[in-house]
Amino acid sequence: MGTQNVEMNRRVTLVSRPAGIAQAANFAIDRIAVPPLGEGELRIANRFLSVDPAMRGWIADAGNYSDPVPIGGVMRSLAVGEITESRHPDWREGQIVLGWFGWQEIATVGPDAIVCEVSQPDLSPSLALGVLGINGVTALLALTMVGEPKAGDTLVVSTAGGSVGSAVGQIGSMLGCRTVGIAGGPTKVHRCVEYFGFDAAIDYKAEGLDEALVKACPDGVDIYFDNTSGAVSDAVLPQLAMHARVVNCGTAAIDRWDPWPSGPRVERHLLVKRARMQGFVVFDHFDRWEESVATLAQWVREGKLRYSEEMLDGLEMCPDALAGLYRGENAGKRVIRL
């Protein structure tokens, strides 16, 4: 009797719940047979896998906006891949799509896992994971919907050299804001000004942040785009201008939610300045995804929106990729290329 070749899939699974930032030891790479394709399902050959700070929350026990990845489950991730087999009438083989395909080489999914077709053939498909994806769409919608920028506003952005922060600064500049970035280290600060076009940038690791903010924002802060929380935000809040808007987009400075973090209270700042603070999660706004991507893509083509990608090659790079983000190793949007 002959033997039938069985297609195998390599995947990254969560093997233990991290206390704080996930490390390589919290993940494992295994190899399983690809299951038969069911009615209505699709097979995706992943090409690019995303690495995002938000992943830390997706594997936390509590305190997040989505159910945690189960122990033994494939690590949740947006990915870009090619449909290699389809049993769904709306999707065909050969299409390049963005979706929730996970940290694995081959995904077998239903149509609900697909976010959209990657429809910018003149631009790299990997950008659908960054400036033309979750990072860029977050920057555009959070800034405009919550920050409500007006010409002449002073916009302060934490993690300004990151994928979201760098896009926020550039979009703010296009909308007439004076932009001030906060980043860690001279290289990132220099990049904020020279590459991403911030009007000023502050190195929170080297400068007294309180004094630097007063100097950079003499009329106060009209919009604070907060990707960090923690000590950086504690320094920014006292500098809020009247009727300021605070966009709470990330809490990168907080490494765990048990015990729940404590710190300076924000209420007095908000009351006295008649300011507003609001959280933003892009998953609430998928109805605006395609129009946002079209706008961002046009800005990229026109040279108005610059970006930076960092490619890591091979599935073996996944387990330590998230920890590396929080160590500050990445130089741009971190992507795993398969």
Protein backbone atom coordinates (compact mmCIF):
# COMPACT_ATOMS: atom_id res chain seq x y z
CA MET A 1 0.00 0.00 0.00
CA GLY A 2 1.21 3.53 -0.76
CA THR A 3 1.42 6.25 1.83
CA GLN A 4 -0.42 9.50 1.46
CA ASN A 5 1.50 12.72 1.99
CA VAL A 6 -0.06 14.71 4.83
CA GLU A 7 0.38 18.47 4.75
CA MET A 8 1.80 19.73 8.05
CA ASN A 9 1.37 23.11 9.71
CA ARG A 10 3.84 24.72 12.09
CA ARG A 11 2.30 27.03 14.66
CA VAL A 12 3.19 29.03 17.78
CA THR A 13 1.07 28.16 20.81
CA LEU A 14 0.74 29.70 24.26
CA VAL A 15 1.98 27.16 26.81
CA SER A 16 1.84 29.22 30.02
CA ARG A 17 0.14 32.40 31.19
CA PRO A 18 2.77 35.13 31.64
CA ALA A 19 3.13 37.26 34.74
CA GLY A 20 3.73 40.61 33.07
CA ILE A 21 5.32 40.75 29.62
CA ALA A 22 5.26 37.43 27.77
CA GLN A 23 8.68 35.88 27.25
CA ALA A 24 9.87 33.27 24.77
CA ALA A 25 9.36 30.53 27.37
CA ASN A 26 5.61 31.21 27.42
CA PHE A 27 5.36 29.96 23.82
CA ALA A 28 6.20 26.78 21.93
CA ILE A 29 6.36 25.83 18.26
CA ASP A 30 4.62 22.59 17.32
CA ARG A 31 3.73 20.77 14.13
CA ILE A 32 0.31 19.29 13.37
CA ALA A 33 -1.50 17.88 10.36
CA VAL A 34 -3.57 20.34 8.34
CA PRO A 35 -7.25 19.40 8.79
CA PRO A 36 -9.60 18.75 5.87
CA LEU A 37 -11.30 21.87 4.59
CA GLY A 38 -14.93 22.06 5.66
CA GLU A 39 -17.84 23.57 3.79
CA GLY A 40 -17.56 27.37 3.82
CA GLU A 41 -13.95 27.34 5.02
CA LEU A 42 -10.74 28.71 3.52
CA ARG A 43 -7.09 27.74 3.61
CA ILE A 44 -4.60 30.58 4.03
CA ALA A 45 -0.84 30.37 3.45
CA ASN A 46 0.47 33.08 5.75
CA ARG A 47 3.14 35.40 4.35
CA PHE A 48 3.48 38.07 7.07
CA LEU A 49 2.61 37.88 10.78
CA SER A 50 2.05 40.92 12.96
CA VAL A 51 3.71 41.66 16.30
CA ASP A 52 1.79 44.27 18.30
CA PRO A 53 2.04 45.66 21.84
CA ALA A 54 -1.67 44.88 22.30
CA MET A 55 -0.83 41.16 22.21
CA ARG A 56 0.29 41.45 25.81
CA GLY A 57 -3.32 42.08 26.80
CA TRP A 58 -4.65 39.27 24.62
CA ILE A 59 -2.83 36.69 26.76
CA ALA A 60 -3.47 38.32 30.14
CA ASP A 61 -5.77 36.72 32.70
CA ALA A 62 -7.99 39.77 33.11
CA GLY A 63 -8.41 43.47 32.54
CA ASN A 64 -8.59 43.41 28.76
CA TYR A 65 -11.20 44.00 26.06
CA SER A 66 -11.14 40.51 24.53
CA ASP A 67 -11.10 36.92 25.75
CA PRO A 68 -7.58 35.70 26.49
CA VAL A 69 -5.83 33.26 24.17
CA PRO A 70 -6.32 29.84 25.79
CA ILE A 71 -3.39 27.78 27.01
CA GLY A 72 -2.48 25.48 24.13
CA GLY A 73 -4.09 27.80 21.58
CA VAL A 74 -2.42 29.40 18.58
CA MET A 75 -1.22 32.91 19.41
CA ARG A 76 -3.78 35.43 18.18
CA SER A 77 -2.41 37.68 15.48
CA LEU A 78 -3.34 39.59 12.41
CA ALA A 79 -1.61 38.19 9.36
CA VAL A 80 -1.44 38.66 5.62
CA GLY A 81 -1.67 35.56 3.49
CA GLU A 82 -2.81 34.03 0.22
CA ILE A 83 -5.95 31.94 -0.13
CA THR A 84 -4.73 28.59 -1.44
CA GLU A 85 -8.05 26.74 -1.21
CA SER A 86 -11.61 27.99 -0.83
CA ARG A 87 -14.95 26.39 -0.17
CA HIS A 88 -16.70 29.74 0.23
CA PRO A 89 -18.43 31.51 -2.67
CA ASP A 90 -17.22 35.00 -1.72
CA TRP A 91 -13.51 34.15 -1.72
CA ARG A 92 -11.29 32.61 -4.37
CA GLU A 93 -7.85 31.06 -4.57
CA GLY A 94 -5.04 33.53 -5.15
CA GLN A 95 -6.55 36.45 -3.25
CA ILE A 96 -4.26 38.21 -0.75
CA VAL A 97 -6.16 38.87 2.47
CA LEU A 98 -5.70 40.37 5.93
CA GLY A 99 -7.24 38.53 8.83
CA TRP A 100 -7.06 36.86 12.20
CA PHE A 101 -4.96 33.93 11.05
CA GLY A 102 -2.60 33.63 14.03
CA TRP A 103 1.07 32.88 14.45
CA GLN A 104 1.19 29.86 12.14
CA GLU A 105 2.20 28.95 8.61
CA ILE A 106 -1.17 27.67 7.41
CA ALA A 107 -4.56 28.83 8.71
CA THR A 108 -7.84 26.99 8.19
CA VAL A 109 -10.56 29.53 8.92
CA GLY A 110 -14.10 30.61 8.30
CA PRO A 111 -14.90 33.83 6.42
CA ASP A 112 -15.37 35.77 9.67
CA ALA A 113 -11.62 35.58 10.26
CA ILE A 114 -10.95 37.75 7.20
CA VAL A 115 -10.83 41.51 7.79
CA CYS A 116 -10.49 42.50 4.14
CA GLU A 117 -8.74 41.82 0.86
CA VAL A 118 -5.38 43.55 0.56
CA SER A 119 -6.29 45.85 -2.31
CA GLN A 120 -3.26 48.12 -2.75
CA PRO A 121 -1.27 46.13 -5.36
CA ASP A 122 1.28 48.90 -5.84
CA LEU A 123 2.30 48.79 -2.16
CA SER A 124 3.87 45.97 -0.15
CA PRO A 125 1.24 43.59 1.32
CA SER A 126 3.09 43.74 4.64
CA LEU A 127 1.93 47.34 5.08
CA ALA A 128 -1.56 45.94 5.79
CA LEU A 129 -0.15 44.98 9.19
CA GLY A 130 1.19 48.44 9.93
CA VAL A 131 0.64 51.84 8.39
CA LEU A 132 -2.17 50.49 6.15
CA GLY A 133 -3.58 48.30 8.89
CA ILE A 134 -4.25 48.24 12.61
CA ASN A 135 -1.57 50.84 13.43
CA GLY A 136 -2.41 53.38 10.77
CA VAL A 137 -6.17 53.00 11.13
CA THR A 138 -5.85 53.38 14.91
CA ALA A 139 -3.78 56.53 14.48
CA LEU A 140 -6.19 58.11 12.01
CA LEU A 141 -9.46 57.27 13.72
CA ALA A 142 -8.37 57.74 17.32
CA LEU A 143 -6.82 61.12 16.59
CA THR A 144 -9.73 62.46 14.55
CA MET A 145 -12.64 60.90 16.45
CA VAL A 146 -11.38 61.36 20.03
CA GLY A 147 -8.63 63.96 19.73
CA GLU A 148 -10.67 66.24 17.45
CA PRO A 149 -7.59 68.16 16.23
CA LYS A 150 -7.84 71.77 15.18
CA ALA A 151 -5.26 73.90 13.41
CA GLY A 152 -2.92 75.43 15.97
CA ASP A 153 -3.43 72.72 18.60
CA THR A 154 -0.40 71.38 20.44
CA LEU A 155 -0.43 67.59 20.09
CA VAL A 156 1.80 65.48 22.38
CA VAL A 157 2.33 61.82 21.48
CA SER A 158 3.94 59.15 23.67
CA THR A 159 5.92 56.32 22.05
CA ALA A 160 6.17 58.78 19.18
CA GLY A 161 8.68 56.68 17.25
CA GLY A 162 6.41 53.62 17.22
CA SER A 163 4.05 52.48 14.51
CA VAL A 164 0.98 54.21 15.91
CA GLY A 165 2.72 57.22 17.42
CA SER A 166 4.71 58.12 14.31
CA ALA A 167 1.54 58.03 12.19
CA VAL A 168 -0.33 60.15 14.74
CA GLY A 169 2.36 62.82 14.60
CA GLN A 170 2.35 62.98 10.82
CA ILE A 171 -1.45 63.05 10.56
CA GLY A 172 -1.56 65.73 13.24
CA SER A 173 0.90 67.83 11.25
CA MET A 174 -1.24 67.46 8.12
CA LEU A 175 -4.21 68.74 10.13
CA GLY A 176 -2.32 71.82 11.29
CA CYS A 177 -1.19 70.75 14.77
CA ARG A 178 2.13 71.55 16.39
CA THR A 179 3.49 68.10 17.24
CA VAL A 180 5.68 67.09 20.18
CA GLY A 181 6.86 63.48 20.45
CA ILE A 182 8.02 61.60 23.53
CA ALA A 183 10.38 58.68 22.90
CA GLY A 184 13.17 56.77 24.61
CA GLY A 185 16.78 57.32 23.56
CA PRO A 186 18.55 59.77 21.25
CA THR A 187 18.15 57.63 18.13
CA LYS A 188 14.36 57.49 18.43
CA VAL A 189 14.14 61.17 19.34
CA HIS A 190 16.24 62.14 16.32
CA ARG A 191 14.09 59.93 14.08
CA CYS A 192 10.89 61.56 15.36
CA VAL A 193 12.07 64.97 14.19
CA GLU A 194 14.16 64.18 11.14
CA TYR A 195 12.17 61.30 9.61
CA PHE A 196 8.62 61.64 10.93
CA GLY A 197 8.55 65.44 11.02
CA PHE A 198 7.63 66.18 14.64
CA ASP A 199 8.18 69.83 15.54
CA ALA A 200 9.95 68.77 18.73
CA ALA A 201 10.80 65.54 20.55
CA ILE A 202 11.67 64.72 24.16
CA ASP A 203 13.87 61.88 25.39
CA TYR A 204 12.11 60.77 28.55
CA LYS A 205 15.14 58.67 29.52
CA ALA A 206 17.60 61.57 29.48
CA GLU A 207 15.64 64.71 30.35
CA GLY A 208 13.59 65.92 33.27
CA LEU A 209 10.24 65.28 31.64
CA ASP A 210 8.29 67.90 33.58
CA GLU A 211 10.68 70.71 32.64
CA ALA A 212 11.04 69.51 29.05
CA LEU A 213 7.25 69.49 28.57
CA VAL A 214 6.89 73.03 29.91
CA LYS A 215 9.61 74.19 27.51
CA ALA A 216 8.18 72.31 24.50
CA CYS A 217 4.54 73.20 25.25
CA PRO A 218 4.53 76.74 26.68
CA ASP A 219 0.80 77.14 26.02
CA GLY A 220 -0.11 73.73 27.38
CA VAL A 221 -1.17 70.47 25.71
CA ASP A 222 -4.39 70.53 23.70
CA ILE A 223 -4.30 66.85 22.69
CA TYR A 224 -2.39 64.09 24.45
CA PHE A 225 -2.26 60.84 22.47
CA ASP A 226 -1.38 58.35 25.20
CA ASN A 227 0.18 55.02 24.23
CA THR A 228 1.91 54.36 27.55
CA SER A 229 0.07 55.45 30.71
CA GLY A 230 2.46 55.32 33.71
CA ALA A 231 5.07 57.93 34.56
CA VAL A 232 5.07 59.60 31.13
CA SER A 233 1.35 60.30 31.34
CA ASP A 234 1.70 61.45 34.95
CA ALA A 235 4.05 64.16 33.66
CA VAL A 236 1.84 65.20 30.74
CA LEU A 237 -1.50 65.54 32.53
CA PRO A 238 -0.53 68.59 34.66
CA GLN A 239 0.33 70.40 31.38
CA LEU A 240 -3.14 70.01 29.86
CA ALA A 241 -4.62 73.17 28.36
CA MET A 242 -8.23 74.23 28.82
CA HIS A 243 -10.64 71.85 27.08
CA ALA A 244 -7.84 69.39 26.30
CA ARG A 245 -8.58 65.95 24.88
CA VAL A 246 -6.70 62.85 26.06
CA VAL A 247 -6.78 59.81 23.77
CA ASN A 248 -6.13 56.68 25.81
CA CYS A 249 -4.85 54.25 23.19
CA GLY A 250 -2.38 52.03 25.05
CA THR A 251 -0.81 51.25 28.43
CA ALA A 252 2.64 50.04 27.40
CA ALA A 253 4.23 51.22 30.66
CA ILE A 254 2.07 48.89 32.77
CA ASP A 255 3.38 45.34 32.75
CA ARG A 256 0.61 43.67 34.77
CA TRP A 257 -2.92 44.21 36.09
CA ASP A 258 -2.67 42.11 39.24
CA PRO A 259 -2.46 43.99 41.48
CA TRP A 260 -4.25 46.78 39.64
CA PRO A 261 -1.81 49.66 39.02
CA SER A 262 -2.12 52.80 41.10
CA GLY A 263 -0.68 56.26 40.67
CA PRO A 264 -1.51 59.97 40.61
CA ARG A 265 -5.23 60.69 40.26
CA VAL A 266 -6.38 62.32 37.05
CA GLU A 267 -9.75 63.69 38.12
CA ARG A 268 -8.57 67.10 39.31
CA HIS A 269 -6.67 67.73 36.08
CA LEU A 270 -9.75 66.87 34.04
CA LEU A 271 -12.09 68.94 36.19
CA VAL A 272 -10.06 72.13 36.46
CA LYS A 273 -9.13 72.13 32.76
CA ARG A 274 -12.59 70.91 31.63
CA ALA A 275 -10.65 68.22 29.80
CA ARG A 276 -11.85 64.91 28.40
CA MET A 277 -10.17 61.49 28.49
CA GLN A 278 -11.49 58.65 26.36
CA GLY A 279 -10.31 55.16 25.52
CA PHE A 280 -10.06 53.96 21.94
CA VAL A 281 -9.98 50.38 20.60
CA VAL A 282 -9.88 50.07 16.81
CA PHE A 283 -11.89 46.84 16.84
CA ASP A 284 -14.98 48.96 17.58
CA HIS A 285 -14.63 50.69 14.21
CA PHE A 286 -14.19 48.02 11.52
CA ASP A 287 -17.02 49.72 9.61
CA ARG A 288 -14.53 52.51 8.80
CA TRP A 289 -11.58 50.25 8.00
CA GLU A 290 -11.63 50.31 4.19
CA GLU A 291 -12.18 54.07 3.87
CA SER A 292 -9.37 54.68 6.38
CA VAL A 293 -6.95 52.40 4.53
CA ALA A 294 -7.74 54.15 1.24
CA THR A 295 -6.92 57.53 2.80
CA LEU A 296 -3.71 56.26 4.40
CA ALA A 297 -2.57 54.56 1.17
CA GLN A 298 -2.99 57.76 -0.80
CA TRP A 299 -0.92 59.66 1.76
CA VAL A 300 1.79 56.99 1.50
CA ARG A 301 1.85 57.28 -2.29
CA GLU A 302 2.07 61.07 -2.07
CA GLY A 303 4.98 60.88 0.38
CA LYS A 304 2.95 62.58 3.13
CA LEU A 305 2.92 59.57 5.45
CA ARG A 306 6.21 57.84 6.14
CA TYR A 307 6.63 54.51 7.88
CA SER A 308 9.29 52.13 9.12
CA GLU A 309 9.18 48.33 9.04
CA GLU A 310 11.39 45.80 10.81
CA MET A 311 11.30 42.34 9.22
CA LEU A 312 12.20 39.23 11.21
CA ASP A 313 12.46 36.07 9.13
CA GLY A 314 10.92 32.74 10.09
CA LEU A 315 8.36 31.40 12.54
CA GLU A 316 11.21 30.75 14.99
CA MET A 317 11.40 34.51 15.61
CA CYS A 318 7.86 34.65 17.01
CA PRO A 319 8.27 33.49 20.64
CA ASP A 320 10.62 36.31 21.66
CA ALA A 321 9.20 38.95 19.32
CA LEU A 322 6.71 40.44 21.76
CA ALA A 323 9.21 40.66 24.62
CA GLY A 324 11.60 42.37 22.21
CA LEU A 325 9.03 45.10 21.59
CA TYR A 326 8.89 45.88 25.28
CA ARG A 327 12.69 45.84 25.51
CA GLY A 328 12.61 48.60 22.89
CA GLU A 329 14.59 46.62 20.32
CA ASN A 330 12.34 47.20 17.32
CA ALA A 331 13.13 49.80 14.70
CA GLY A 332 9.66 50.35 13.25
CA LYS A 333 6.64 48.12 12.85
CA ARG A 334 7.75 44.57 13.72
CA VAL A 335 6.66 41.94 11.18
CA ILE A 336 7.49 38.23 10.94
CA ARG A 337 8.10 37.22 7.32
CA LEU A 338 7.45 33.58 6.39
